[in-house]
Amino acid sequence: MLFGTIYPLALARSNGSVDHGFLVALLWAMSAGLVRGVGFVPRALGWKLFFSGWSCGAGLLMAAGLRWIV
């Protein structure tokens, strides 16, 4: 989060346009990491799966794949 705030051009494509798929995956991973990191575990199964540690990892893998493949 800090790196994206300090140097936001690292989150853009080489031509300066915004890669929305990459940013959505990255923000999902950051949100899941923040929710799980403070120790909050939702009660509903859908939210529990969406904000789990595994979904944080999946979001990071998805963001890395979108960044390097596309």
N, C-alpha and C. Protein backbone atom coordinates (compact mmCIF):
# COMPACT_ATOMS: atom_id res chain seq x y z
N MET A 1 0.83 -1.19 0.00
CA MET A 1 0.00 0.00 0.00
C MET A 1 0.87 1.25 0.00
N LEU A 2 1.91 1.20 0.80
CA LEU A 2 2.80 2.35 0.90
C LEU A 2 3.54 2.60 -0.42
N PHE A 3 4.01 1.52 -1.06
CA PHE A 3 4.73 1.67 -2.32
C PHE A 3 3.82 2.25 -3.39
N GLY A 4 2.57 1.81 -3.45
CA GLY A 4 1.62 2.34 -4.42
C GLY A 4 1.29 3.80 -4.18
N THR A 5 1.35 4.21 -2.93
CA THR A 5 1.09 5.61 -2.59
C THR A 5 2.28 6.49 -2.94
N ILE A 6 3.48 6.00 -2.69
CA ILE A 6 4.68 6.78 -2.94
C ILE A 6 4.99 6.86 -4.43
N TYR A 7 4.86 5.73 -5.14
CA TYR A 7 5.19 5.68 -6.56
C TYR A 7 4.06 5.04 -7.36
N PRO A 8 2.98 5.80 -7.62
CA PRO A 8 1.82 5.22 -8.30
C PRO A 8 2.07 4.84 -9.76
N LEU A 9 3.11 5.35 -10.38
CA LEU A 9 3.41 4.99 -11.76
C LEU A 9 3.80 3.52 -11.88
N ALA A 10 4.21 2.89 -10.78
CA ALA A 10 4.54 1.47 -10.81
C ALA A 10 3.29 0.62 -11.03
N LEU A 11 2.12 1.17 -10.78
CA LEU A 11 0.87 0.44 -10.95
C LEU A 11 0.25 0.67 -12.32
N ALA A 12 0.87 1.48 -13.14
CA ALA A 12 0.34 1.78 -14.48
C ALA A 12 1.09 0.96 -15.52
N ARG A 13 0.52 0.91 -16.71
CA ARG A 13 1.18 0.24 -17.83
C ARG A 13 2.31 1.11 -18.34
N SER A 14 3.09 0.55 -19.25
CA SER A 14 4.25 1.29 -19.76
C SER A 14 3.84 2.54 -20.54
N ASN A 15 2.62 2.54 -21.13
CA ASN A 15 2.18 3.73 -21.86
C ASN A 15 1.46 4.74 -20.97
N GLY A 16 1.35 4.46 -19.68
CA GLY A 16 0.73 5.38 -18.74
C GLY A 16 -0.73 5.13 -18.45
N SER A 17 -1.35 4.19 -19.18
CA SER A 17 -2.76 3.89 -18.92
C SER A 17 -2.90 3.00 -17.68
N VAL A 18 -4.11 2.94 -17.18
CA VAL A 18 -4.37 2.19 -15.95
C VAL A 18 -4.80 0.78 -16.30
N ASP A 19 -4.24 -0.20 -15.62
CA ASP A 19 -4.62 -1.60 -15.79
C ASP A 19 -5.62 -1.95 -14.69
N HIS A 20 -6.91 -1.86 -15.01
CA HIS A 20 -7.96 -2.01 -14.01
C HIS A 20 -8.03 -3.42 -13.44
N GLY A 21 -7.81 -4.43 -14.25
CA GLY A 21 -7.84 -5.80 -13.75
C GLY A 21 -6.76 -6.04 -12.72
N PHE A 22 -5.57 -5.55 -12.99
CA PHE A 22 -4.46 -5.67 -12.05
C PHE A 22 -4.77 -4.95 -10.74
N LEU A 23 -5.32 -3.75 -10.84
CA LEU A 23 -5.62 -2.98 -9.63
C LEU A 23 -6.74 -3.61 -8.80
N VAL A 24 -7.75 -4.18 -9.45
CA VAL A 24 -8.84 -4.84 -8.72
C VAL A 24 -8.29 -6.05 -7.96
N ALA A 25 -7.46 -6.86 -8.61
CA ALA A 25 -6.87 -8.03 -7.95
C ALA A 25 -5.97 -7.59 -6.79
N LEU A 26 -5.20 -6.55 -6.99
CA LEU A 26 -4.31 -6.06 -5.94
C LEU A 26 -5.08 -5.48 -4.76
N LEU A 27 -6.12 -4.72 -5.03
CA LEU A 27 -6.92 -4.15 -3.95
C LEU A 27 -7.70 -5.23 -3.20
N TRP A 28 -8.15 -6.28 -3.90
CA TRP A 28 -8.80 -7.40 -3.23
C TRP A 28 -7.82 -8.08 -2.28
N ALA A 29 -6.59 -8.31 -2.74
CA ALA A 29 -5.58 -8.94 -1.88
C ALA A 29 -5.25 -8.06 -0.68
N MET A 30 -5.14 -6.76 -0.89
CA MET A 30 -4.85 -5.86 0.22
C MET A 30 -6.00 -5.81 1.21
N SER A 31 -7.23 -5.82 0.72
CA SER A 31 -8.39 -5.80 1.61
C SER A 31 -8.47 -7.08 2.43
N ALA A 32 -8.28 -8.22 1.78
CA ALA A 32 -8.32 -9.49 2.49
C ALA A 32 -7.19 -9.57 3.51
N GLY A 33 -6.02 -9.11 3.14
CA GLY A 33 -4.90 -9.10 4.09
C GLY A 33 -5.14 -8.19 5.27
N LEU A 34 -5.75 -7.06 5.03
CA LEU A 34 -6.04 -6.13 6.13
C LEU A 34 -7.10 -6.70 7.07
N VAL A 35 -8.17 -7.25 6.51
CA VAL A 35 -9.23 -7.82 7.34
C VAL A 35 -8.69 -8.98 8.15
N ARG A 36 -7.97 -9.89 7.51
CA ARG A 36 -7.42 -11.04 8.23
C ARG A 36 -6.30 -10.62 9.17
N GLY A 37 -5.55 -9.61 8.79
CA GLY A 37 -4.42 -9.17 9.59
C GLY A 37 -4.83 -8.56 10.93
N VAL A 38 -5.99 -7.91 11.00
CA VAL A 38 -6.44 -7.36 12.28
C VAL A 38 -7.15 -8.40 13.12
N GLY A 39 -7.33 -9.60 12.56
CA GLY A 39 -7.92 -10.68 13.33
C GLY A 39 -9.42 -10.81 13.20
N PHE A 40 -10.04 -10.09 12.30
CA PHE A 40 -11.48 -10.18 12.13
C PHE A 40 -11.81 -11.36 11.23
N VAL A 41 -12.72 -12.22 11.69
CA VAL A 41 -13.18 -13.36 10.89
C VAL A 41 -14.68 -13.22 10.74
N PRO A 42 -15.18 -12.94 9.54
CA PRO A 42 -16.62 -12.79 9.34
C PRO A 42 -17.37 -14.08 9.65
N ARG A 43 -18.64 -13.97 9.99
CA ARG A 43 -19.45 -15.14 10.31
C ARG A 43 -20.03 -15.79 9.07
N ALA A 44 -20.48 -15.01 8.11
CA ALA A 44 -21.09 -15.56 6.90
C ALA A 44 -20.02 -16.25 6.05
N LEU A 45 -20.36 -17.40 5.49
CA LEU A 45 -19.40 -18.21 4.75
C LEU A 45 -18.84 -17.47 3.53
N GLY A 46 -19.68 -16.75 2.80
CA GLY A 46 -19.20 -16.02 1.63
C GLY A 46 -18.16 -14.98 1.97
N TRP A 47 -18.44 -14.19 2.99
CA TRP A 47 -17.47 -13.16 3.41
C TRP A 47 -16.23 -13.80 4.02
N LYS A 48 -16.42 -14.90 4.71
CA LYS A 48 -15.28 -15.59 5.32
C LYS A 48 -14.32 -16.08 4.23
N LEU A 49 -14.88 -16.62 3.14
CA LEU A 49 -14.03 -17.08 2.04
C LEU A 49 -13.41 -15.91 1.29
N PHE A 50 -14.16 -14.84 1.11
CA PHE A 50 -13.68 -13.68 0.36
C PHE A 50 -12.54 -12.95 1.08
N PHE A 51 -12.56 -12.97 2.40
CA PHE A 51 -11.54 -12.25 3.18
C PHE A 51 -10.63 -13.20 3.94
N SER A 52 -10.39 -14.40 3.42
CA SER A 52 -9.50 -15.36 4.07
C SER A 52 -8.05 -15.11 3.64
N GLY A 53 -7.16 -15.77 4.32
CA GLY A 53 -5.76 -15.68 3.93
C GLY A 53 -5.51 -16.31 2.57
N TRP A 54 -6.26 -17.36 2.25
CA TRP A 54 -6.12 -18.00 0.95
C TRP A 54 -6.57 -17.06 -0.17
N SER A 55 -7.62 -16.31 0.06
CA SER A 55 -8.06 -15.38 -0.99
C SER A 55 -7.06 -14.23 -1.15
N CYS A 56 -6.38 -13.87 -0.09
CA CYS A 56 -5.33 -12.86 -0.19
C CYS A 56 -4.22 -13.36 -1.10
N GLY A 57 -3.82 -14.60 -0.90
CA GLY A 57 -2.80 -15.20 -1.76
C GLY A 57 -3.27 -15.33 -3.20
N ALA A 58 -4.55 -15.72 -3.38
CA ALA A 58 -5.10 -15.84 -4.73
C ALA A 58 -5.13 -14.48 -5.42
N GLY A 59 -5.48 -13.44 -4.68
CA GLY A 59 -5.48 -12.10 -5.26
C GLY A 59 -4.09 -11.65 -5.67
N LEU A 60 -3.10 -11.97 -4.86
CA LEU A 60 -1.72 -11.61 -5.20
C LEU A 60 -1.24 -12.38 -6.43
N LEU A 61 -1.57 -13.67 -6.49
CA LEU A 61 -1.19 -14.46 -7.67
C LEU A 61 -1.89 -13.96 -8.92
N MET A 62 -3.16 -13.58 -8.79
CA MET A 62 -3.90 -13.05 -9.92
C MET A 62 -3.30 -11.72 -10.38
N ALA A 63 -2.95 -10.87 -9.43
CA ALA A 63 -2.35 -9.58 -9.79
C ALA A 63 -1.00 -9.78 -10.46
N ALA A 64 -0.20 -10.72 -9.93
CA ALA A 64 1.10 -10.98 -10.56
C ALA A 64 0.93 -11.54 -11.96
N GLY A 65 -0.03 -12.44 -12.13
CA GLY A 65 -0.28 -12.99 -13.46
C GLY A 65 -0.76 -11.94 -14.44
N LEU A 66 -1.64 -11.08 -13.99
CA LEU A 66 -2.12 -10.02 -14.88
C LEU A 66 -1.03 -9.01 -15.20
N ARG A 67 -0.15 -8.79 -14.27
CA ARG A 67 0.94 -7.82 -14.49
C ARG A 67 1.98 -8.35 -15.48
N TRP A 68 2.33 -9.64 -15.35
CA TRP A 68 3.40 -10.17 -16.17
C TRP A 68 2.92 -10.78 -17.48
N ILE A 69 1.68 -11.27 -17.51
CA ILE A 69 1.19 -11.92 -18.73
C ILE A 69 0.61 -10.89 -19.69
N VAL A 70 -0.20 -9.98 -19.19
CA VAL A 70 -0.90 -9.03 -20.06
C VAL A 70 -0.07 -7.82 -20.34
